[in-house]
């Protein structure tokens, strides 16, 4: 269960990677060129916990019976980003579709 929380936490935000190429011009001068590749997650907007569909809250209750749903976010695809906390204070993020199926983001 904690592994799922860690996996979710690692997917928050975007990831950036830099690649560096060395270019040689006609006159023999070397130029460094940096290419940046960014991968961003879908844009989620915060909603109240009460707005989360019943199917999603049922999935949380079933799979994480000791967890509390602290915050909820949704995107245009009706996917839900859920911030959960356990009794020991550990927090994690999981993602679900509107039918309560878990998804990897």
C-alpha atoms as a PDB file:
ATOM      1  CA  UNK A   1       0.000   0.000   0.000  1.00  0.00           C
ATOM      2  CA  UNK A   2       2.839   2.385   0.837  1.00  0.00           C
ATOM      3  CA  UNK A   3       4.433   1.540  -2.524  1.00  0.00           C
ATOM      4  CA  UNK A   4       1.343   2.895  -4.285  1.00  0.00           C
ATOM      5  CA  UNK A   5       1.618   6.080  -2.261  1.00  0.00           C
ATOM      6  CA  UNK A   6       5.285   6.490  -3.171  1.00  0.00           C
ATOM      7  CA  UNK A   7       4.565   5.802  -6.834  1.00  0.00           C
ATOM      8  CA  UNK A   8       1.855   8.424  -6.832  1.00  0.00           C
ATOM      9  CA  UNK A   9       4.066  10.935  -5.076  1.00  0.00           C
ATOM     10  CA  UNK A  10       6.777  10.472  -7.686  1.00  0.00           C
ATOM     11  CA  UNK A  11       4.376  11.312 -10.489  1.00  0.00           C
ATOM     12  CA  UNK A  12       3.363  14.684  -9.109  1.00  0.00           C
ATOM     13  CA  UNK A  13       4.545  17.608 -11.126  1.00  0.00           C
ATOM     14  CA  UNK A  14       6.547  17.525 -14.354  1.00  0.00           C
ATOM     15  CA  UNK A  15       9.815  15.919 -15.186  1.00  0.00           C
ATOM     16  CA  UNK A  16      12.543  17.720 -17.094  1.00  0.00           C
ATOM     17  CA  UNK A  17      15.544  16.312 -18.892  1.00  0.00           C
ATOM     18  CA  UNK A  18      18.387  18.207 -20.533  1.00  0.00           C
ATOM     19  CA  UNK A  19      20.377  17.009 -23.550  1.00  0.00           C
ATOM     20  CA  UNK A  20      23.512  18.736 -24.740  1.00  0.00           C
ATOM     21  CA  UNK A  21      24.772  18.597 -28.309  1.00  0.00           C
ATOM     22  CA  UNK A  22      28.057  19.946 -29.591  1.00  0.00           C
ATOM     23  CA  UNK A  23      27.761  21.605 -32.985  1.00  0.00           C
ATOM     24  CA  UNK A  24      30.740  22.493 -35.139  1.00  0.00           C
ATOM     25  CA  UNK A  25      30.254  25.407 -37.511  1.00  0.00           C
ATOM     26  CA  UNK A  26      31.924  25.750 -40.912  1.00  0.00           C
ATOM     27  CA  UNK A  27      34.787  27.757 -39.417  1.00  0.00           C
ATOM     28  CA  UNK A  28      35.565  25.012 -36.852  1.00  0.00           C
ATOM     29  CA  UNK A  29      34.093  26.779 -33.823  1.00  0.00           C
ATOM     30  CA  UNK A  30      32.271  24.502 -31.431  1.00  0.00           C
ATOM     31  CA  UNK A  31      28.878  25.571 -30.108  1.00  0.00           C
ATOM     32  CA  UNK A  32      26.994  23.899 -27.313  1.00  0.00           C
ATOM     33  CA  UNK A  33      23.265  23.595 -27.816  1.00  0.00           C
ATOM     34  CA  UNK A  34      20.963  22.619 -24.974  1.00  0.00           C
ATOM     35  CA  UNK A  35      17.648  21.007 -25.804  1.00  0.00           C
ATOM     36  CA  UNK A  36      15.093  20.787 -23.018  1.00  0.00           C
ATOM     37  CA  UNK A  37      12.430  18.116 -22.997  1.00  0.00           C
ATOM     38  CA  UNK A  38       9.557  18.580 -20.549  1.00  0.00           C
ATOM     39  CA  UNK A  39       6.822  16.150 -19.680  1.00  0.00           C
ATOM     40  CA  UNK A  40       3.947  17.643 -17.694  1.00  0.00           C
ATOM     41  CA  UNK A  41       0.998  15.930 -16.087  1.00  0.00           C
ATOM     42  CA  UNK A  42      -2.533  16.909 -16.970  1.00  0.00           C
ATOM     43  CA  UNK A  43      -3.789  20.151 -15.451  1.00  0.00           C
ATOM     44  CA  UNK A  44      -5.792  19.347 -12.339  1.00  0.00           C
ATOM     45  CA  UNK A  45      -8.006  21.853 -10.532  1.00  0.00           C
ATOM     46  CA  UNK A  46      -8.862  21.479  -6.869  1.00  0.00           C
ATOM     47  CA  UNK A  47     -12.428  20.548  -5.983  1.00  0.00           C
ATOM     48  CA  UNK A  48     -14.103  19.916  -2.660  1.00  0.00           C
ATOM     49  CA  UNK A  49     -13.969  16.381  -1.321  1.00  0.00           C
ATOM     50  CA  UNK A  50     -17.795  16.369  -1.409  1.00  0.00           C
ATOM     51  CA  UNK A  51     -17.689  16.713  -5.225  1.00  0.00           C
ATOM     52  CA  UNK A  52     -15.790  13.430  -5.702  1.00  0.00           C
ATOM     53  CA  UNK A  53     -18.073  10.804  -7.311  1.00  0.00           C
ATOM     54  CA  UNK A  54     -19.401   8.079  -5.039  1.00  0.00           C
ATOM     55  CA  UNK A  55     -17.649   5.380  -7.104  1.00  0.00           C
ATOM     56  CA  UNK A  56     -14.288   7.021  -6.382  1.00  0.00           C
ATOM     57  CA  UNK A  57     -14.918   7.421  -2.646  1.00  0.00           C
ATOM     58  CA  UNK A  58     -16.068   3.786  -2.520  1.00  0.00           C
ATOM     59  CA  UNK A  59     -12.799   2.701  -4.181  1.00  0.00           C
ATOM     60  CA  UNK A  60     -10.796   4.693  -1.623  1.00  0.00           C
ATOM     61  CA  UNK A  61     -12.758   3.130   1.254  1.00  0.00           C
ATOM     62  CA  UNK A  62     -12.321  -0.370  -0.163  1.00  0.00           C
ATOM     63  CA  UNK A  63      -8.606  -0.166  -1.033  1.00  0.00           C
ATOM     64  CA  UNK A  64      -7.440   2.230   1.694  1.00  0.00           C
ATOM     65  CA  UNK A  65      -9.799   1.613   4.631  1.00  0.00           C
ATOM     66  CA  UNK A  66      -7.656   3.526   7.162  1.00  0.00           C
ATOM     67  CA  UNK A  67      -6.966   6.494   4.862  1.00  0.00           C
ATOM     68  CA  UNK A  68      -8.586   9.913   4.959  1.00  0.00           C
ATOM     69  CA  UNK A  69      -9.300  11.801   1.747  1.00  0.00           C
ATOM     70  CA  UNK A  70      -7.680  15.203   2.397  1.00  0.00           C
ATOM     71  CA  UNK A  71      -7.810  16.907  -1.005  1.00  0.00           C
ATOM     72  CA  UNK A  72      -9.240  16.174  -4.423  1.00  0.00           C
ATOM     73  CA  UNK A  73      -8.482  17.509  -7.882  1.00  0.00           C
ATOM     74  CA  UNK A  74     -10.016  16.829 -11.290  1.00  0.00           C
ATOM     75  CA  UNK A  75      -9.121  17.477 -14.931  1.00  0.00           C
ATOM     76  CA  UNK A  76     -11.033  17.766 -18.211  1.00  0.00           C
ATOM     77  CA  UNK A  77     -10.926  13.988 -18.713  1.00  0.00           C
ATOM     78  CA  UNK A  78     -12.815  13.523 -15.416  1.00  0.00           C
ATOM     79  CA  UNK A  79      -9.807  11.898 -13.800  1.00  0.00           C
ATOM     80  CA  UNK A  80      -9.281  12.463 -10.109  1.00  0.00           C
ATOM     81  CA  UNK A  81      -6.083  13.163  -8.225  1.00  0.00           C
ATOM     82  CA  UNK A  82      -6.634  12.255  -4.580  1.00  0.00           C
ATOM     83  CA  UNK A  83      -4.400  13.196  -1.663  1.00  0.00           C
ATOM     84  CA  UNK A  84      -4.782  10.610   1.098  1.00  0.00           C
ATOM     85  CA  UNK A  85      -3.343  10.452   4.599  1.00  0.00           C
ATOM     86  CA  UNK A  86      -2.916   7.448   6.856  1.00  0.00           C
ATOM     87  CA  UNK A  87      -3.317   7.324  10.627  1.00  0.00           C
ATOM     88  CA  UNK A  88       0.463   7.607  11.086  1.00  0.00           C
ATOM     89  CA  UNK A  89       0.517  10.908   9.161  1.00  0.00           C
ATOM     90  CA  UNK A  90       1.923   9.434   5.946  1.00  0.00           C
ATOM     91  CA  UNK A  91       0.497  11.147   2.863  1.00  0.00           C
ATOM     92  CA  UNK A  92       0.286   9.943  -0.694  1.00  0.00           C
ATOM     93  CA  UNK A  93      -1.435  10.661  -3.969  1.00  0.00           C
ATOM     94  CA  UNK A  94      -3.457   8.253  -6.075  1.00  0.00           C
ATOM     95  CA  UNK A  95      -5.327   8.726  -9.348  1.00  0.00           C
ATOM     96  CA  UNK A  96      -8.700   7.334 -10.389  1.00  0.00           C
ATOM     97  CA  UNK A  97     -11.192   7.718 -13.204  1.00  0.00           C
ATOM     98  CA  UNK A  98     -14.787   8.742 -12.522  1.00  0.00           C
ATOM     99  CA  UNK A  99     -15.831   5.092 -12.209  1.00  0.00           C
ATOM    100  CA  UNK A 100     -13.387   4.399  -9.366  1.00  0.00           C
ATOM    101  CA  UNK A 101     -10.769   2.549 -11.419  1.00  0.00           C
ATOM    102  CA  UNK A 102      -7.157   3.260 -10.419  1.00  0.00           C
ATOM    103  CA  UNK A 103      -4.977   4.794 -13.128  1.00  0.00           C
ATOM    104  CA  UNK A 104      -1.250   5.448 -13.465  1.00  0.00           C
ATOM    105  CA  UNK A 105      -0.275   9.027 -14.165  1.00  0.00           C
END
